[in-house]
Amino acid sequence: MTALPVNRFKRRLAAREQQIGLWGALPGSYVAEILAGAGFDWLVFDTEHAPGDPISVLPQLQAAAAYEVAPVVRAATNDTVLIKRLLDAGAQTLLIPYVQSAAEARAAVAAMRYPPRGLRGVATTTRAGRFGRVEDYVLRAETELCLIVQVETREALDALDEIMAVDGVDAIFIGPADLAASLGHPGAAGHPEVVATVEETIRRIVAAGRPAGILTLDPAFARRCMAFGTCFTAVGIDAAMLARGAEALAASFGSG
């Protein structure tokens, strides 16, 4: 029989080791393989604000499997069927966006777990269980699955203590862009109120003994968040890197 794949990302979260990540918004296994070998600790395959879906995520996961990077899949929404499909495709770590209450967090946990502890549908020949080659996959899968919930609204922050207390939530991720909009500053993640709220939220998560994460394209703020206690910190987006790099190259030759 085949061994159950170990989720190194989950173990490093539990140990509060700093893990530096990159956001993958561009679909396709070719881009995924380029990013997977770049040296980051974790890599997000985004299906919320990117064209990805369970069909396109599968080859991305396959491409990343040859590298040490830990793939994280952001689901489009907190949906039981969608979560099931991503897990069956072999995703071990899911990031669920827009979780605003303990009830929504519990729903995500239930979608990650097989009955009687949850609602995940049972199939025995999926990629997740190595097509039936992982012995007792249904009984043991939960130990290597990792659930990150994303808090990105004022309502979510008001319910943060209750969300963090939900059994099965492994980490809390702060979404600065949506949080900025929720606080009345759309498009201004660097607004002083947003920055102060993010920093206070990191403190709250760390004080509760939970792993905190964030995405920011500001290197100085990324390091500040790490100093406050984030232990999984995404510092770039592939689409932004391509766009800004292409613009800079064109400008350097007097084009554009």
Protein backbone atom coordinates (compact mmCIF):
# COMPACT_ATOMS: atom_id res chain seq x y z
CA MET A 1 0.00 0.00 0.00
CA THR A 2 0.97 3.66 -0.46
CA ALA A 3 1.69 5.92 2.53
CA LEU A 4 -0.69 8.75 3.35
CA PRO A 5 1.03 11.94 2.12
CA VAL A 6 2.36 14.05 4.99
CA ASN A 7 1.20 17.66 5.14
CA ARG A 8 4.45 19.46 5.93
CA PHE A 9 2.74 22.83 5.79
CA LYS A 10 0.35 21.83 8.59
CA ARG A 11 3.19 20.57 10.74
CA ARG A 12 5.20 23.74 10.27
CA LEU A 13 2.14 25.80 11.13
CA ALA A 14 1.76 23.88 14.36
CA ALA A 15 5.42 24.55 15.13
CA ARG A 16 4.97 28.26 14.27
CA GLU A 17 7.82 28.12 11.77
CA GLN A 18 7.84 31.08 9.40
CA GLN A 19 6.72 30.04 5.92
CA ILE A 20 6.99 32.50 3.03
CA GLY A 21 4.44 32.12 0.26
CA LEU A 22 3.51 33.28 -3.22
CA TRP A 23 0.02 33.77 -4.62
CA GLY A 24 -0.75 31.96 -7.87
CA ALA A 25 -3.50 33.71 -9.83
CA LEU A 26 -2.41 32.58 -13.30
CA PRO A 27 -3.99 29.27 -14.34
CA GLY A 28 -2.08 26.42 -15.90
CA SER A 29 0.38 23.75 -14.88
CA TYR A 30 3.30 25.38 -16.73
CA VAL A 31 3.14 28.51 -14.58
CA ALA A 32 2.54 26.36 -11.49
CA GLU A 33 5.74 24.41 -12.15
CA ILE A 34 7.76 27.59 -12.68
CA LEU A 35 6.51 28.97 -9.36
CA ALA A 36 6.84 25.66 -7.51
CA GLY A 37 10.57 25.57 -8.14
CA ALA A 38 11.23 29.20 -7.20
CA GLY A 39 12.07 28.48 -3.56
CA PHE A 40 8.93 29.53 -1.68
CA ASP A 41 7.62 27.49 1.24
CA TRP A 42 4.00 27.55 0.09
CA LEU A 43 2.11 28.45 -3.03
CA VAL A 44 -1.56 29.37 -3.35
CA PHE A 45 -3.61 28.18 -6.30
CA ASP A 46 -6.43 30.70 -6.26
CA THR A 47 -9.91 29.85 -7.52
CA GLU A 48 -11.74 32.80 -5.94
CA HIS A 49 -10.28 35.83 -7.72
CA ALA A 50 -8.69 33.86 -10.55
CA PRO A 51 -10.01 31.68 -13.41
CA GLY A 52 -9.12 28.41 -11.64
CA ASP A 53 -11.56 25.65 -10.74
CA PRO A 54 -11.24 22.01 -9.61
CA ILE A 55 -10.46 20.92 -13.18
CA SER A 56 -7.61 23.41 -13.62
CA VAL A 57 -6.29 22.98 -10.08
CA LEU A 58 -5.64 19.27 -10.62
CA PRO A 59 -2.74 19.74 -13.10
CA GLN A 60 -1.38 22.54 -10.93
CA LEU A 61 -1.23 20.17 -7.96
CA GLN A 62 0.40 17.54 -10.16
CA ALA A 63 3.01 20.02 -11.37
CA ALA A 64 3.84 21.17 -7.84
CA ALA A 65 4.11 17.62 -6.49
CA ALA A 66 7.68 17.22 -7.71
CA TYR A 67 8.87 20.15 -5.58
CA GLU A 68 9.23 20.89 -1.87
CA VAL A 69 6.70 23.72 -1.96
CA ALA A 70 3.41 23.19 -0.11
CA PRO A 71 0.35 23.85 -2.29
CA VAL A 72 -2.60 25.67 -0.75
CA VAL A 73 -5.86 25.92 -2.71
CA ARG A 74 -8.18 28.85 -2.12
CA ALA A 75 -11.73 27.72 -2.77
CA ALA A 76 -14.09 30.06 -4.59
CA THR A 77 -16.53 29.92 -1.67
CA ASN A 78 -17.40 28.00 1.48
CA ASP A 79 -19.35 25.26 -0.30
CA THR A 80 -19.50 21.59 0.74
CA VAL A 81 -19.51 20.20 -2.80
CA LEU A 82 -16.72 22.47 -4.00
CA ILE A 83 -14.56 21.63 -0.98
CA LYS A 84 -15.17 17.91 -1.60
CA ARG A 85 -14.02 18.21 -5.20
CA LEU A 86 -10.83 20.07 -4.28
CA LEU A 87 -9.99 17.54 -1.57
CA ASP A 88 -10.65 14.60 -3.89
CA ALA A 89 -8.29 16.20 -6.43
CA GLY A 90 -5.55 15.90 -3.83
CA ALA A 91 -5.49 19.28 -2.12
CA GLN A 92 -4.51 18.83 1.53
CA THR A 93 -4.64 22.47 2.60
CA LEU A 94 -7.62 24.67 1.79
CA LEU A 95 -8.06 28.40 2.32
CA ILE A 96 -11.74 29.26 2.68
CA PRO A 97 -12.57 32.91 1.97
CA TYR A 98 -15.07 35.23 3.60
CA VAL A 99 -15.71 33.30 6.80
CA GLN A 100 -17.71 35.66 9.01
CA SER A 101 -18.96 33.53 11.90
CA ALA A 102 -18.30 30.45 13.97
CA ALA A 103 -21.20 28.76 12.18
CA GLU A 104 -19.55 29.34 8.81
CA ALA A 105 -16.25 28.05 10.19
CA ARG A 106 -17.99 24.91 11.49
CA ALA A 107 -19.56 24.39 8.06
CA ALA A 108 -16.10 24.46 6.46
CA VAL A 109 -14.79 21.98 9.04
CA ALA A 110 -17.71 19.65 8.37
CA ALA A 111 -16.99 19.78 4.64
CA MET A 112 -13.40 18.71 5.31
CA ARG A 113 -14.31 15.68 7.43
CA TYR A 114 -15.87 12.33 6.59
CA PRO A 115 -18.95 11.16 8.51
CA PRO A 116 -19.70 10.77 11.32
CA ARG A 117 -17.54 13.84 12.13
CA GLY A 118 -18.49 15.73 8.98
CA LEU A 119 -20.20 15.78 5.60
CA ARG A 120 -17.48 14.96 3.06
CA GLY A 121 -18.74 12.48 0.50
CA VAL A 122 -16.88 9.17 0.37
CA ALA A 123 -15.13 7.98 -2.78
CA THR A 124 -12.38 5.35 -2.73
CA THR A 125 -10.60 5.89 -6.05
CA THR A 126 -9.69 9.57 -5.96
CA ARG A 127 -6.25 11.15 -6.34
CA ALA A 128 -6.42 12.15 -2.67
CA GLY A 129 -6.20 8.49 -1.62
CA ARG A 130 -3.81 7.63 -4.42
CA PHE A 131 -6.65 5.92 -6.30
CA GLY A 132 -7.37 3.47 -3.50
CA ARG A 133 -3.74 2.72 -2.68
CA VAL A 134 -3.62 4.56 0.68
CA GLU A 135 -4.78 2.10 3.29
CA ASP A 136 -7.71 3.34 5.39
CA TYR A 137 -7.61 6.77 3.72
CA VAL A 138 -11.14 7.57 4.82
CA LEU A 139 -10.21 6.90 8.44
CA ARG A 140 -6.89 8.75 8.40
CA ALA A 141 -7.25 11.60 5.88
CA GLU A 142 -8.28 14.17 8.45
CA THR A 143 -4.93 14.03 10.24
CA GLU A 144 -3.15 15.47 7.18
CA LEU A 145 -5.80 17.98 6.08
CA CYS A 146 -5.37 21.63 6.98
CA LEU A 147 -8.13 24.24 7.07
CA ILE A 148 -7.35 27.95 6.93
CA VAL A 149 -10.24 30.37 7.27
CA GLN A 150 -10.02 33.87 5.87
CA VAL A 151 -11.29 36.80 7.94
CA GLU A 152 -11.77 39.90 5.84
CA THR A 153 -14.72 41.91 7.15
CA ARG A 154 -15.65 43.91 10.22
CA GLU A 155 -18.23 41.22 11.02
CA ALA A 156 -15.55 38.52 10.92
CA LEU A 157 -13.32 40.47 13.29
CA ASP A 158 -16.25 40.94 15.69
CA ALA A 159 -16.65 37.14 15.70
CA LEU A 160 -12.93 36.35 15.64
CA ASP A 161 -12.74 34.79 19.11
CA GLU A 162 -15.60 32.45 18.32
CA ILE A 163 -14.15 31.55 14.91
CA MET A 164 -10.75 30.76 16.42
CA ALA A 165 -12.38 28.49 19.00
CA VAL A 166 -13.91 26.19 16.36
CA ASP A 167 -12.37 22.71 16.47
CA GLY A 168 -10.86 21.87 13.10
CA VAL A 169 -9.77 25.39 12.16
CA ASP A 170 -5.99 25.16 11.83
CA ALA A 171 -5.11 28.79 11.05
CA ILE A 172 -6.51 32.26 10.46
CA PHE A 173 -5.68 34.28 7.35
CA ILE A 174 -6.27 38.03 7.17
CA GLY A 175 -7.50 39.44 3.85
CA PRO A 176 -6.37 43.11 3.80
CA ALA A 177 -8.06 44.15 0.54
CA ASP A 178 -11.57 43.08 1.47
CA LEU A 179 -11.00 44.21 5.04
CA ALA A 180 -10.12 47.67 3.76
CA ALA A 181 -13.36 47.79 1.79
CA SER A 182 -15.35 46.57 4.78
CA LEU A 183 -13.83 49.32 6.93
CA GLY A 184 -14.83 51.96 4.37
CA HIS A 185 -11.52 52.29 2.55
CA PRO A 186 -11.88 50.33 -0.71
CA GLY A 187 -8.63 50.03 -2.63
CA ALA A 188 -6.65 51.49 0.27
CA ALA A 189 -5.14 48.59 2.19
CA GLY A 190 -2.43 50.97 3.36
CA HIS A 191 -4.88 53.30 5.08
CA PRO A 192 -3.82 53.88 8.71
CA GLU A 193 -7.08 52.42 10.08
CA VAL A 194 -6.67 49.29 7.96
CA VAL A 195 -3.03 48.85 8.92
CA ALA A 196 -3.82 49.32 12.61
CA THR A 197 -6.69 46.83 12.37
CA VAL A 198 -4.51 44.24 10.64
CA GLU A 199 -1.80 44.60 13.25
CA GLU A 200 -4.29 44.32 16.12
CA THR A 201 -5.86 41.27 14.49
CA ILE A 202 -2.49 39.56 14.22
CA ARG A 203 -1.93 40.28 17.92
CA ARG A 204 -5.31 38.76 18.79
CA ILE A 205 -4.68 35.62 16.76
CA VAL A 206 -1.22 35.11 18.22
CA ALA A 207 -2.45 35.80 21.76
CA ALA A 208 -5.06 33.08 21.26
CA GLY A 209 -2.30 30.63 20.35
CA ARG A 210 -3.37 30.28 16.72
CA PRO A 211 -1.27 30.59 13.53
CA ALA A 212 -1.80 33.88 11.69
CA GLY A 213 -1.24 34.55 8.00
CA ILE A 214 -1.54 37.37 5.50
CA LEU A 215 -0.91 38.44 1.91
CA THR A 216 0.75 41.80 1.26
CA LEU A 217 2.77 43.12 -1.67
CA ASP A 218 4.50 45.68 0.56
CA PRO A 219 7.82 44.11 1.66
CA ALA A 220 8.19 46.44 4.63
CA PHE A 221 4.68 45.69 5.85
CA ALA A 222 5.22 41.96 5.28
CA ARG A 223 8.22 42.08 7.61
CA ARG A 224 6.24 44.12 10.11
CA CYS A 225 3.46 41.53 10.08
CA MET A 226 6.05 38.79 10.61
CA ALA A 227 7.42 40.73 13.57
CA PHE A 228 3.88 40.91 15.00
CA GLY A 229 3.60 37.14 14.63
CA THR A 230 2.39 35.94 11.23
CA CYS A 231 3.91 32.55 10.53
CA PHE A 232 2.64 32.03 6.98
CA THR A 233 3.17 35.20 5.00
CA ALA A 234 2.49 35.60 1.27
CA VAL A 235 4.61 38.32 -0.28
CA GLY A 236 3.71 38.38 -3.97
CA ILE A 237 1.18 37.56 -6.69
CA ASP A 238 2.35 36.01 -9.93
CA ALA A 239 0.02 38.11 -12.12
CA ALA A 240 1.19 41.33 -10.45
CA MET A 241 4.84 40.32 -10.81
CA LEU A 242 4.35 39.65 -14.52
CA ALA A 243 2.39 42.85 -15.13
CA ARG A 244 4.72 45.17 -13.22
CA GLY A 245 7.84 43.47 -14.58
CA ALA A 246 6.59 43.75 -18.16
CA GLU A 247 5.68 47.40 -17.65
CA ALA A 248 9.07 48.19 -16.16
CA LEU A 249 10.89 46.49 -19.02
CA ALA A 250 8.82 48.36 -21.62
CA ALA A 251 9.38 51.66 -19.82
CA SER A 252 13.13 51.07 -19.63
CA PHE A 253 13.23 51.04 -23.44
CA GLY A 254 11.02 54.10 -23.79
CA SER A 255 7.93 52.16 -24.80
CA GLY A 256 4.41 52.34 -23.39
